[in-house]
Amino acid sequence: MDLKNKIKLWVQGQLVTMPRGAKKKLADYLKITPTQLTRLLNLEAGKEPRSMQADEFLKIVEFFGKWPDNLMPSIFPDSRKQHLLAMFDSVSPEWQQAIIAMVEALVQSSKRP
């Protein structure tokens, strides 16, 4: 699946979890009509799609307040740290200690000649 379709699936998934009227609010936020948003998010073969512009993608991310979960964090260098910290925060304190120990060992081994 290409990047555009991954983004569209993520947006659709976000909208499903929101209250009724969220799609209209997103369309208003993007300053497009709900019909244009439907075409923008369309994944069906044979339907006329609308291309997503880069500024629209950034506004969508801003609207939802987060980056798409299904994208590789390495695509966005600034978000790699955020992604790493989010994963770190999601595990138990015991696992956090183990992760810190592993990273410290990696740092020490890279300093050796």
PDB file of N, CA and C in Angstrom:
ATOM      1  N   MET A   1       0.845  -1.177   0.000  1.00  0.00           N
ATOM      2  CA  MET A   1       0.000   0.000   0.000  1.00  0.00           C
ATOM      3  C   MET A   1       0.891   1.241   0.000  1.00  0.00           C
ATOM      4  N   ASP A   2       0.532   2.187  -0.836  1.00  0.00           N
ATOM      5  CA  ASP A   2       1.366   3.383  -0.929  1.00  0.00           C
ATOM      6  C   ASP A   2       1.071   4.362   0.212  1.00  0.00           C
ATOM      7  N   LEU A   3       1.939   5.329   0.355  1.00  0.00           N
ATOM      8  CA  LEU A   3       1.871   6.295   1.446  1.00  0.00           C
ATOM      9  C   LEU A   3       0.552   7.060   1.446  1.00  0.00           C
ATOM     10  N   LYS A   4       0.079   7.466   0.269  1.00  0.00           N
ATOM     11  CA  LYS A   4      -1.171   8.229   0.190  1.00  0.00           C
ATOM     12  C   LYS A   4      -2.337   7.437   0.758  1.00  0.00           C
ATOM     13  N   ASN A   5      -2.401   6.158   0.425  1.00  0.00           N
ATOM     14  CA  ASN A   5      -3.500   5.325   0.914  1.00  0.00           C
ATOM     15  C   ASN A   5      -3.383   5.078   2.412  1.00  0.00           C
ATOM     16  N   LYS A   6      -2.157   4.952   2.929  1.00  0.00           N
ATOM     17  CA  LYS A   6      -1.971   4.796   4.371  1.00  0.00           C
ATOM     18  C   LYS A   6      -2.491   6.024   5.112  1.00  0.00           C
ATOM     19  N   ILE A   7      -2.203   7.200   4.559  1.00  0.00           N
ATOM     20  CA  ILE A   7      -2.680   8.444   5.174  1.00  0.00           C
ATOM     21  C   ILE A   7      -4.201   8.491   5.144  1.00  0.00           C
ATOM     22  N   LYS A   8      -4.789   8.143   3.998  1.00  0.00           N
ATOM     23  CA  LYS A   8      -6.251   8.156   3.872  1.00  0.00           C
ATOM     24  C   LYS A   8      -6.901   7.193   4.857  1.00  0.00           C
ATOM     25  N   LEU A   9      -6.337   5.994   4.998  1.00  0.00           N
ATOM     26  CA  LEU A   9      -6.881   5.025   5.951  1.00  0.00           C
ATOM     27  C   LEU A   9      -6.792   5.546   7.383  1.00  0.00           C
ATOM     28  N   TRP A  10      -5.686   6.192   7.699  1.00  0.00           N
ATOM     29  CA  TRP A  10      -5.519   6.745   9.037  1.00  0.00           C
ATOM     30  C   TRP A  10      -6.565   7.820   9.309  1.00  0.00           C
ATOM     31  N   VAL A  11      -6.770   8.720   8.337  1.00  0.00           N
ATOM     32  CA  VAL A  11      -7.766   9.792   8.512  1.00  0.00           C
ATOM     33  C   VAL A  11      -9.155   9.180   8.701  1.00  0.00           C
ATOM     34  N   GLN A  12      -9.504   8.205   7.871  1.00  0.00           N
ATOM     35  CA  GLN A  12     -10.802   7.554   7.997  1.00  0.00           C
ATOM     36  C   GLN A  12     -10.960   6.910   9.370  1.00  0.00           C
ATOM     37  N   GLY A  13      -9.907   6.261   9.844  1.00  0.00           N
ATOM     38  CA  GLY A  13      -9.940   5.644  11.162  1.00  0.00           C
ATOM     39  C   GLY A  13     -10.116   6.653  12.278  1.00  0.00           C
ATOM     40  N   GLN A  14      -9.482   7.804  12.146  1.00  0.00           N
ATOM     41  CA  GLN A  14      -9.628   8.863  13.147  1.00  0.00           C
ATOM     42  C   GLN A  14     -11.058   9.398  13.166  1.00  0.00           C
ATOM     43  N   LEU A  15     -11.627   9.594  11.979  1.00  0.00           N
ATOM     44  CA  LEU A  15     -12.973  10.147  11.885  1.00  0.00           C
ATOM     45  C   LEU A  15     -14.019   9.204  12.484  1.00  0.00           C
ATOM     46  N   VAL A  16     -13.814   7.901  12.316  1.00  0.00           N
ATOM     47  CA  VAL A  16     -14.760   6.909  12.834  1.00  0.00           C
ATOM     48  C   VAL A  16     -14.867   6.996  14.355  1.00  0.00           C
ATOM     49  N   THR A  17     -13.773   7.331  15.015  1.00  0.00           N
ATOM     50  CA  THR A  17     -13.769   7.371  16.482  1.00  0.00           C
ATOM     51  C   THR A  17     -14.297   8.682  17.040  1.00  0.00           C
ATOM     52  N   MET A  18     -14.541   9.645  16.187  1.00  0.00           N
ATOM     53  CA  MET A  18     -14.978  10.966  16.644  1.00  0.00           C
ATOM     54  C   MET A  18     -16.506  11.079  16.597  1.00  0.00           C
ATOM     55  N   PRO A  19     -17.046  12.052  17.309  1.00  0.00           N
ATOM     56  CA  PRO A  19     -18.498  12.246  17.300  1.00  0.00           C
ATOM     57  C   PRO A  19     -19.022  12.631  15.915  1.00  0.00           C
ATOM     58  N   ARG A  20     -20.321  12.477  15.785  1.00  0.00           N
ATOM     59  CA  ARG A  20     -20.979  12.834  14.530  1.00  0.00           C
ATOM     60  C   ARG A  20     -20.673  14.289  14.177  1.00  0.00           C
ATOM     61  N   GLY A  21     -20.434  14.540  12.904  1.00  0.00           N
ATOM     62  CA  GLY A  21     -20.126  15.883  12.447  1.00  0.00           C
ATOM     63  C   GLY A  21     -18.644  16.163  12.324  1.00  0.00           C
ATOM     64  N   ALA A  22     -17.804  15.193  12.709  1.00  0.00           N
ATOM     65  CA  ALA A  22     -16.350  15.397  12.666  1.00  0.00           C
ATOM     66  C   ALA A  22     -15.855  15.585  11.231  1.00  0.00           C
ATOM     67  N   LYS A  23     -16.450  14.841  10.307  1.00  0.00           N
ATOM     68  CA  LYS A  23     -16.016  14.957   8.907  1.00  0.00           C
ATOM     69  C   LYS A  23     -16.297  16.368   8.383  1.00  0.00           C
ATOM     70  N   LYS A  24     -17.436  16.917   8.740  1.00  0.00           N
ATOM     71  CA  LYS A  24     -17.782  18.283   8.328  1.00  0.00           C
ATOM     72  C   LYS A  24     -16.819  19.274   8.966  1.00  0.00           C
ATOM     73  N   LYS A  25     -16.490  19.058  10.243  1.00  0.00           N
ATOM     74  CA  LYS A  25     -15.540  19.953  10.925  1.00  0.00           C
ATOM     75  C   LYS A  25     -14.169  19.898  10.266  1.00  0.00           C
ATOM     76  N   LEU A  26     -13.742  18.690   9.878  1.00  0.00           N
ATOM     77  CA  LEU A  26     -12.450  18.559   9.193  1.00  0.00           C
ATOM     78  C   LEU A  26     -12.495  19.270   7.844  1.00  0.00           C
ATOM     79  N   ALA A  27     -13.575  19.083   7.111  1.00  0.00           N
ATOM     80  CA  ALA A  27     -13.710  19.773   5.815  1.00  0.00           C
ATOM     81  C   ALA A  27     -13.643  21.283   6.012  1.00  0.00           C
ATOM     82  N   ASP A  28     -14.364  21.781   7.009  1.00  0.00           N
ATOM     83  CA  ASP A  28     -14.330  23.224   7.295  1.00  0.00           C
ATOM     84  C   ASP A  28     -12.918  23.675   7.664  1.00  0.00           C
ATOM     85  N   TYR A  29     -12.211  22.864   8.460  1.00  0.00           N
ATOM     86  CA  TYR A  29     -10.850  23.185   8.878  1.00  0.00           C
ATOM     87  C   TYR A  29      -9.914  23.269   7.668  1.00  0.00           C
ATOM     88  N   LEU A  30     -10.153  22.375   6.703  1.00  0.00           N
ATOM     89  CA  LEU A  30      -9.334  22.366   5.483  1.00  0.00           C
ATOM     90  C   LEU A  30      -9.792  23.404   4.459  1.00  0.00           C
ATOM     91  N   LYS A  31     -10.941  24.041   4.760  1.00  0.00           N
ATOM     92  CA  LYS A  31     -11.544  25.026   3.847  1.00  0.00           C
ATOM     93  C   LYS A  31     -11.902  24.390   2.499  1.00  0.00           C
ATOM     94  N   ILE A  32     -12.492  23.170   2.592  1.00  0.00           N
ATOM     95  CA  ILE A  32     -13.011  22.485   1.410  1.00  0.00           C
ATOM     96  C   ILE A  32     -14.422  22.002   1.749  1.00  0.00           C
ATOM     97  N   THR A  33     -15.149  21.574   0.744  1.00  0.00           N
ATOM     98  CA  THR A  33     -16.501  21.079   0.990  1.00  0.00           C
ATOM     99  C   THR A  33     -16.441  19.632   1.481  1.00  0.00           C
ATOM    100  N   PRO A  34     -17.495  19.157   2.156  1.00  0.00           N
ATOM    101  CA  PRO A  34     -17.530  17.749   2.557  1.00  0.00           C
ATOM    102  C   PRO A  34     -17.407  16.790   1.363  1.00  0.00           C
ATOM    103  N   THR A  35     -17.946  17.182   0.218  1.00  0.00           N
ATOM    104  CA  THR A  35     -17.814  16.352  -0.987  1.00  0.00           C
ATOM    105  C   THR A  35     -16.360  16.257  -1.425  1.00  0.00           C
ATOM    106  N   GLN A  36     -15.642  17.360  -1.363  1.00  0.00           N
ATOM    107  CA  GLN A  36     -14.221  17.346  -1.713  1.00  0.00           C
ATOM    108  C   GLN A  36     -13.435  16.475  -0.733  1.00  0.00           C
ATOM    109  N   LEU A  37     -13.811  16.510   0.551  1.00  0.00           N
ATOM    110  CA  LEU A  37     -13.148  15.673   1.539  1.00  0.00           C
ATOM    111  C   LEU A  37     -13.417  14.197   1.253  1.00  0.00           C
ATOM    112  N   THR A  38     -14.647  13.876   0.898  1.00  0.00           N
ATOM    113  CA  THR A  38     -14.985  12.494   0.543  1.00  0.00           C
ATOM    114  C   THR A  38     -14.124  12.031  -0.620  1.00  0.00           C
ATOM    115  N   ARG A  39     -13.988  12.862  -1.635  1.00  0.00           N
ATOM    116  CA  ARG A  39     -13.141  12.510  -2.791  1.00  0.00           C
ATOM    117  C   ARG A  39     -11.676  12.407  -2.386  1.00  0.00           C
ATOM    118  N   LEU A  40     -11.247  13.262  -1.480  1.00  0.00           N
ATOM    119  CA  LEU A  40      -9.873  13.254  -1.001  1.00  0.00           C
ATOM    120  C   LEU A  40      -9.540  11.948  -0.290  1.00  0.00           C
ATOM    121  N   LEU A  41     -10.511  11.418   0.462  1.00  0.00           N
ATOM    122  CA  LEU A  41     -10.284  10.209   1.253  1.00  0.00           C
ATOM    123  C   LEU A  41     -10.700   8.929   0.545  1.00  0.00           C
ATOM    124  N   ASN A  42     -11.193   9.051  -0.680  1.00  0.00           N
ATOM    125  CA  ASN A  42     -11.710   7.901  -1.418  1.00  0.00           C
ATOM    126  C   ASN A  42     -10.606   6.907  -1.776  1.00  0.00           C
ATOM    127  N   LEU A  43     -10.874   5.625  -1.490  1.00  0.00           N
ATOM    128  CA  LEU A  43      -9.937   4.552  -1.826  1.00  0.00           C
ATOM    129  C   LEU A  43     -10.537   3.556  -2.820  1.00  0.00           C
ATOM    130  N   GLU A  44     -11.799   3.751  -3.167  1.00  0.00           N
ATOM    131  CA  GLU A  44     -12.477   2.805  -4.058  1.00  0.00           C
ATOM    132  C   GLU A  44     -12.002   2.958  -5.495  1.00  0.00           C
ATOM    133  N   ALA A  45     -11.787   1.809  -6.140  1.00  0.00           N
ATOM    134  CA  ALA A  45     -11.402   1.810  -7.553  1.00  0.00           C
ATOM    135  C   ALA A  45     -12.579   2.309  -8.381  1.00  0.00           C
ATOM    136  N   GLY A  46     -12.287   3.071  -9.393  1.00  0.00           N
ATOM    137  CA  GLY A  46     -13.320   3.573 -10.280  1.00  0.00           C
ATOM    138  C   GLY A  46     -13.942   4.882  -9.832  1.00  0.00           C
ATOM    139  N   LYS A  47     -13.701   5.270  -8.603  1.00  0.00           N
ATOM    140  CA  LYS A  47     -14.212   6.555  -8.105  1.00  0.00           C
ATOM    141  C   LYS A  47     -13.174   7.622  -8.394  1.00  0.00           C
ATOM    142  N   GLU A  48     -13.668   8.825  -8.641  1.00  0.00           N
ATOM    143  CA  GLU A  48     -12.745   9.922  -8.969  1.00  0.00           C
ATOM    144  C   GLU A  48     -12.099  10.458  -7.694  1.00  0.00           C
ATOM    145  N   PRO A  49     -10.793  10.213  -7.517  1.00  0.00           N
ATOM    146  CA  PRO A  49     -10.127  10.700  -6.306  1.00  0.00           C
ATOM    147  C   PRO A  49      -9.679  12.153  -6.455  1.00  0.00           C
ATOM    148  N   ARG A  50      -9.394  12.763  -5.337  1.00  0.00           N
ATOM    149  CA  ARG A  50      -8.822  14.107  -5.317  1.00  0.00           C
ATOM    150  C   ARG A  50      -7.475  13.983  -4.621  1.00  0.00           C
ATOM    151  N   SER A  51      -6.455  14.577  -5.184  1.00  0.00           N
ATOM    152  CA  SER A  51      -5.112  14.504  -4.602  1.00  0.00           C
ATOM    153  C   SER A  51      -5.027  15.348  -3.336  1.00  0.00           C
ATOM    154  N   MET A  52      -4.280  14.831  -2.370  1.00  0.00           N
ATOM    155  CA  MET A  52      -4.050  15.565  -1.135  1.00  0.00           C
ATOM    156  C   MET A  52      -2.808  16.430  -1.309  1.00  0.00           C
ATOM    157  N   GLN A  53      -2.943  17.687  -0.981  1.00  0.00           N
ATOM    158  CA  GLN A  53      -1.822  18.611  -1.047  1.00  0.00           C
ATOM    159  C   GLN A  53      -1.019  18.518   0.256  1.00  0.00           C
ATOM    160  N   ALA A  54       0.237  18.861   0.194  1.00  0.00           N
ATOM    161  CA  ALA A  54       1.098  18.790   1.378  1.00  0.00           C
ATOM    162  C   ALA A  54       0.564  19.651   2.512  1.00  0.00           C
ATOM    163  N   ASP A  55       0.080  20.848   2.189  1.00  0.00           N
ATOM    164  CA  ASP A  55      -0.451  21.721   3.243  1.00  0.00           C
ATOM    165  C   ASP A  55      -1.727  21.147   3.845  1.00  0.00           C
ATOM    166  N   GLU A  56      -2.508  20.411   3.048  1.00  0.00           N
ATOM    167  CA  GLU A  56      -3.705  19.763   3.579  1.00  0.00           C
ATOM    168  C   GLU A  56      -3.325  18.651   4.551  1.00  0.00           C
ATOM    169  N   PHE A  57      -2.287  17.895   4.203  1.00  0.00           N
ATOM    170  CA  PHE A  57      -1.822  16.843   5.102  1.00  0.00           C
ATOM    171  C   PHE A  57      -1.401  17.434   6.440  1.00  0.00           C
ATOM    172  N   LEU A  58      -0.653  18.516   6.406  1.00  0.00           N
ATOM    173  CA  LEU A  58      -0.201  19.153   7.651  1.00  0.00           C
ATOM    174  C   LEU A  58      -1.379  19.686   8.465  1.00  0.00           C
ATOM    175  N   LYS A  59      -2.388  20.223   7.780  1.00  0.00           N
ATOM    176  CA  LYS A  59      -3.580  20.696   8.481  1.00  0.00           C
ATOM    177  C   LYS A  59      -4.352  19.533   9.097  1.00  0.00           C
ATOM    178  N   ILE A  60      -4.389  18.397   8.404  1.00  0.00           N
ATOM    179  CA  ILE A  60      -5.064  17.205   8.931  1.00  0.00           C
ATOM    180  C   ILE A  60      -4.363  16.739  10.204  1.00  0.00           C
ATOM    181  N   VAL A  61      -3.033  16.698  10.169  1.00  0.00           N
ATOM    182  CA  VAL A  61      -2.255  16.316  11.349  1.00  0.00           C
ATOM    183  C   VAL A  61      -2.541  17.293  12.483  1.00  0.00           C
ATOM    184  N   GLU A  62      -2.597  18.559  12.161  1.00  0.00           N
ATOM    185  CA  GLU A  62      -2.898  19.592  13.156  1.00  0.00           C
ATOM    186  C   GLU A  62      -4.306  19.402  13.726  1.00  0.00           C
ATOM    187  N   PHE A  63      -5.269  19.078  12.866  1.00  0.00           N
ATOM    188  CA  PHE A  63      -6.660  18.872  13.283  1.00  0.00           C
ATOM    189  C   PHE A  63      -6.767  17.740  14.303  1.00  0.00           C
ATOM    190  N   PHE A  64      -6.090  16.621  14.026  1.00  0.00           N
ATOM    191  CA  PHE A  64      -6.166  15.468  14.918  1.00  0.00           C
ATOM    192  C   PHE A  64      -5.166  15.568  16.081  1.00  0.00           C
ATOM    193  N   GLY A  65      -4.158  16.427  15.940  1.00  0.00           N
ATOM    194  CA  GLY A  65      -3.194  16.621  17.019  1.00  0.00           C
ATOM    195  C   GLY A  65      -2.143  15.538  17.125  1.00  0.00           C
ATOM    196  N   LYS A  66      -1.959  14.756  16.061  1.00  0.00           N
ATOM    197  CA  LYS A  66      -0.928  13.710  16.083  1.00  0.00           C
ATOM    198  C   LYS A  66      -0.617  13.257  14.666  1.00  0.00           C
ATOM    199  N   TRP A  67       0.567  12.619  14.529  1.00  0.00           N
ATOM    200  CA  TRP A  67       0.987  12.044  13.257  1.00  0.00           C
ATOM    201  C   TRP A  67       0.276  10.715  13.043  1.00  0.00           C
ATOM    202  N   PRO A  68       0.090  10.322  11.807  1.00  0.00           N
ATOM    203  CA  PRO A  68      -0.520   9.018  11.532  1.00  0.00           C
ATOM    204  C   PRO A  68       0.274   7.877  12.157  1.00  0.00           C
ATOM    205  N   ASP A  69      -0.450   6.994  12.845  1.00  0.00           N
ATOM    206  CA  ASP A  69       0.175   5.857  13.523  1.00  0.00           C
ATOM    207  C   ASP A  69       0.806   4.876  12.544  1.00  0.00           C
ATOM    208  N   ASN A  70       0.235   4.787  11.339  1.00  0.00           N
ATOM    209  CA  ASN A  70       0.661   3.755  10.399  1.00  0.00           C
ATOM    210  C   ASN A  70       1.802   4.192   9.488  1.00  0.00           C
ATOM    211  N   LEU A  71       2.416   5.325   9.773  1.00  0.00           N
ATOM    212  CA  LEU A  71       3.565   5.770   8.982  1.00  0.00           C
ATOM    213  C   LEU A  71       4.840   5.473   9.739  1.00  0.00           C
ATOM    214  N   MET A  72       5.877   5.182   9.008  1.00  0.00           N
ATOM    215  CA  MET A  72       7.170   4.923   9.632  1.00  0.00           C
ATOM    216  C   MET A  72       7.687   6.224  10.250  1.00  0.00           C
ATOM    217  N   PRO A  73       8.034   6.204  11.524  1.00  0.00           N
ATOM    218  CA  PRO A  73       8.550   7.413  12.157  1.00  0.00           C
ATOM    219  C   PRO A  73       9.818   7.936  11.495  1.00  0.00           C
ATOM    220  N   SER A  74      10.579   7.076  10.864  1.00  0.00           N
ATOM    221  CA  SER A  74      11.825   7.521  10.242  1.00  0.00           C
ATOM    222  C   SER A  74      11.582   8.460   9.062  1.00  0.00           C
ATOM    223  N   ILE A  75      10.350   8.475   8.543  1.00  0.00           N
ATOM    224  CA  ILE A  75      10.028   9.401   7.455  1.00  0.00           C
ATOM    225  C   ILE A  75      10.102  10.831   7.973  1.00  0.00           C
ATOM    226  N   PHE A  76       9.767  11.003   9.244  1.00  0.00           N
ATOM    227  CA  PHE A  76       9.734  12.314   9.864  1.00  0.00           C
ATOM    228  C   PHE A  76      10.791  12.367  10.959  1.00  0.00           C
ATOM    229  N   PRO A  77      12.010  12.821  10.640  1.00  0.00           N
ATOM    230  CA  PRO A  77      13.106  12.787  11.614  1.00  0.00           C
ATOM    231  C   PRO A  77      12.766  13.428  12.951  1.00  0.00           C
ATOM    232  N   ASP A  78      12.015  14.515  12.957  1.00  0.00           N
ATOM    233  CA  ASP A  78      11.678  15.183  14.218  1.00  0.00           C
ATOM    234  C   ASP A  78      10.766  14.336  15.088  1.00  0.00           C
ATOM    235  N   SER A  79      10.006  13.447  14.467  1.00  0.00           N
ATOM    236  CA  SER A  79       9.072  12.653  15.255  1.00  0.00           C
ATOM    237  C   SER A  79       9.688  11.348  15.750  1.00  0.00           C
ATOM    238  N   ARG A  80      10.901  11.015  15.314  1.00  0.00           N
ATOM    239  CA  ARG A  80      11.527   9.769  15.781  1.00  0.00           C
ATOM    240  C   ARG A  80      11.707   9.788  17.289  1.00  0.00           C
ATOM    241  N   LYS A  81      12.172  10.913  17.818  1.00  0.00           N
ATOM    242  CA  LYS A  81      12.359  11.021  19.263  1.00  0.00           C
ATOM    243  C   LYS A  81      11.013  10.915  19.975  1.00  0.00           C
ATOM    244  N   GLN A  82      10.009  11.601  19.428  1.00  0.00           N
ATOM    245  CA  GLN A  82       8.681  11.539  20.033  1.00  0.00           C
ATOM    246  C   GLN A  82       8.153  10.107  20.014  1.00  0.00           C
ATOM    247  N   HIS A  83       8.364   9.422  18.910  1.00  0.00           N
ATOM    248  CA  HIS A  83       7.902   8.043  18.783  1.00  0.00           C
ATOM    249  C   HIS A  83       8.634   7.149  19.786  1.00  0.00           C
ATOM    250  N   LEU A  84       9.934   7.324  19.891  1.00  0.00           N
ATOM    251  CA  LEU A  84      10.725   6.538  20.831  1.00  0.00           C
ATOM    252  C   LEU A  84      10.276   6.797  22.270  1.00  0.00           C
ATOM    253  N   LEU A  85      10.069   8.065  22.604  1.00  0.00           N
ATOM    254  CA  LEU A  85       9.622   8.406  23.956  1.00  0.00           C
ATOM    255  C   LEU A  85       8.223   7.861  24.241  1.00  0.00           C
ATOM    256  N   ALA A  86       7.346   7.910  23.250  1.00  0.00           N
ATOM    257  CA  ALA A  86       5.994   7.373  23.437  1.00  0.00           C
ATOM    258  C   ALA A  86       6.044   5.869  23.678  1.00  0.00           C
ATOM    259  N   MET A  87       6.888   5.174  22.916  1.00  0.00           N
ATOM    260  CA  MET A  87       7.016   3.734  23.129  1.00  0.00           C
ATOM    261  C   MET A  87       7.614   3.459  24.508  1.00  0.00           C
ATOM    262  N   PHE A  88       8.629   4.227  24.887  1.00  0.00           N
ATOM    263  CA  PHE A  88       9.273   4.056  26.189  1.00  0.00           C
ATOM    264  C   PHE A  88       8.252   4.263  27.309  1.00  0.00           C
ATOM    265  N   ASP A  89       7.443   5.310  27.186  1.00  0.00           N
ATOM    266  CA  ASP A  89       6.443   5.603  28.212  1.00  0.00           C
ATOM    267  C   ASP A  89       5.345   4.541  28.295  1.00  0.00           C
ATOM    268  N   SER A  90       5.161   3.776  27.225  1.00  0.00           N
ATOM    269  CA  SER A  90       4.067   2.811  27.197  1.00  0.00           C
ATOM    270  C   SER A  90       4.412   1.474  27.861  1.00  0.00           C
ATOM    271  N   VAL A  91       5.678   1.273  28.231  1.00  0.00           N
ATOM    272  CA  VAL A  91       6.062   0.004  28.851  1.00  0.00           C
ATOM    273  C   VAL A  91       6.231   0.183  30.361  1.00  0.00           C
ATOM    274  N   SER A  92       6.300  -0.938  31.059  1.00  0.00           N
ATOM    275  CA  SER A  92       6.410  -0.926  32.522  1.00  0.00           C
ATOM    276  C   SER A  92       7.756  -0.338  32.967  1.00  0.00           C
ATOM    277  N   PRO A  93       7.834   0.088  34.215  1.00  0.00           N
ATOM    278  CA  PRO A  93       9.103   0.618  34.742  1.00  0.00           C
ATOM    279  C   PRO A  93      10.244  -0.405  34.649  1.00  0.00           C
ATOM    280  N   GLU A  94       9.916  -1.669  34.811  1.00  0.00           N
ATOM    281  CA  GLU A  94      10.948  -2.708  34.698  1.00  0.00           C
ATOM    282  C   GLU A  94      11.538  -2.733  33.287  1.00  0.00           C
ATOM    283  N   TRP A  95      10.650  -2.674  32.292  1.00  0.00           N
ATOM    284  CA  TRP A  95      11.123  -2.658  30.899  1.00  0.00           C
ATOM    285  C   TRP A  95      11.896  -1.373  30.614  1.00  0.00           C
ATOM    286  N   GLN A  96      11.460  -0.269  31.192  1.00  0.00           N
ATOM    287  CA  GLN A  96      12.175   0.994  30.996  1.00  0.00           C
ATOM    288  C   GLN A  96      13.601   0.886  31.519  1.00  0.00           C
ATOM    289  N   GLN A  97      13.766   0.260  32.676  1.00  0.00           N
ATOM    290  CA  GLN A  97      15.113   0.071  33.235  1.00  0.00           C
ATOM    291  C   GLN A  97      15.953  -0.810  32.317  1.00  0.00           C
ATOM    292  N   ALA A  98      15.338  -1.851  31.766  1.00  0.00           N
ATOM    293  CA  ALA A  98      16.065  -2.741  30.858  1.00  0.00           C
ATOM    294  C   ALA A  98      16.477  -2.000  29.591  1.00  0.00           C
ATOM    295  N   ILE A  99      15.590  -1.170  29.076  1.00  0.00           N
ATOM    296  CA  ILE A  99      15.893  -0.396  27.863  1.00  0.00           C
ATOM    297  C   ILE A  99      17.056   0.557  28.135  1.00  0.00           C
ATOM    298  N   ILE A 100      17.014   1.236  29.265  1.00  0.00           N
ATOM    299  CA  ILE A 100      18.100   2.161  29.625  1.00  0.00           C
ATOM    300  C   ILE A 100      19.424   1.408  29.729  1.00  0.00           C
ATOM    301  N   ALA A 101      19.407   0.248  30.357  1.00  0.00           N
ATOM    302  CA  ALA A 101      20.629  -0.552  30.491  1.00  0.00           C
ATOM    303  C   ALA A 101      21.166  -0.962  29.120  1.00  0.00           C
ATOM    304  N   MET A 102      20.286  -1.355  28.223  1.00  0.00           N
ATOM    305  CA  MET A 102      20.720  -1.760  26.869  1.00  0.00           C
ATOM    306  C   MET A 102      21.318  -0.582  26.109  1.00  0.00           C
ATOM    307  N   VAL A 103      20.691   0.570  26.209  1.00  0.00           N
ATOM    308  CA  VAL A 103      21.199   1.748  25.500  1.00  0.00           C
ATOM    309  C   VAL A 103      22.538   2.169  26.079  1.00  0.00           C
ATOM    310  N   GLU A 104      22.672   2.140  27.402  1.00  0.00           N
ATOM    311  CA  GLU A 104      23.949   2.476  28.026  1.00  0.00           C
ATOM    312  C   GLU A 104      25.045   1.513  27.570  1.00  0.00           C
ATOM    313  N   ALA A 105      24.716   0.227  27.471  1.00  0.00           N
ATOM    314  CA  ALA A 105      25.699  -0.759  26.999  1.00  0.00           C
ATOM    315  C   ALA A 105      26.088  -0.483  25.547  1.00  0.00           C
ATOM    316  N   LEU A 106      25.121  -0.115  24.714  1.00  0.00           N
ATOM    317  CA  LEU A 106      25.420   0.217  23.312  1.00  0.00           C
ATOM    318  C   LEU A 106      26.334   1.437  23.218  1.00  0.00           C
ATOM    319  N   VAL A 107      26.053   2.443  24.032  1.00  0.00           N
ATOM    320  CA  VAL A 107      26.875   3.654  24.027  1.00  0.00           C
ATOM    321  C   VAL A 107      28.297   3.313  24.457  1.00  0.00           C
ATOM    322  N   GLN A 108      28.432   2.526  25.511  1.00  0.00           N
ATOM    323  CA  GLN A 108      29.762   2.142  25.999  1.00  0.00           C
ATOM    324  C   GLN A 108      30.518   1.327  24.960  1.00  0.00           C
ATOM    325  N   SER A 109      29.836   0.407  24.287  1.00  0.00           N
ATOM    326  CA  SER A 109      30.515  -0.432  23.293  1.00  0.00           C
ATOM    327  C   SER A 109      30.934   0.389  22.070  1.00  0.00           C
ATOM    328  N   SER A 110      30.211   1.445  21.771  1.00  0.00           N
ATOM    329  CA  SER A 110      30.591   2.271  20.612  1.00  0.00           C
ATOM    330  C   SER A 110      31.763   3.179  20.939  1.00  0.00           C
ATOM    331  N   LYS A 111      32.061   3.395  22.213  1.00  0.00           N
ATOM    332  CA  LYS A 111      33.178   4.246  22.616  1.00  0.00           C
ATOM    333  C   LYS A 111      34.500   3.465  22.628  1.00  0.00           C
ATOM    334  N   ARG A 112      34.403   2.142  22.659  1.00  0.00           N
ATOM    335  CA  ARG A 112      35.622   1.325  22.693  1.00  0.00           C
ATOM    336  C   ARG A 112      36.291   1.325  21.322  1.00  0.00           C
ATOM    337  N   PRO A 113      37.653   1.351  21.323  1.00  0.00           N
ATOM    338  CA  PRO A 113      38.380   1.351  20.033  1.00  0.00           C
ATOM    339  C   PRO A 113      38.300   0.041  19.304  1.00  0.00           C
TER     340      PRO A 113
END
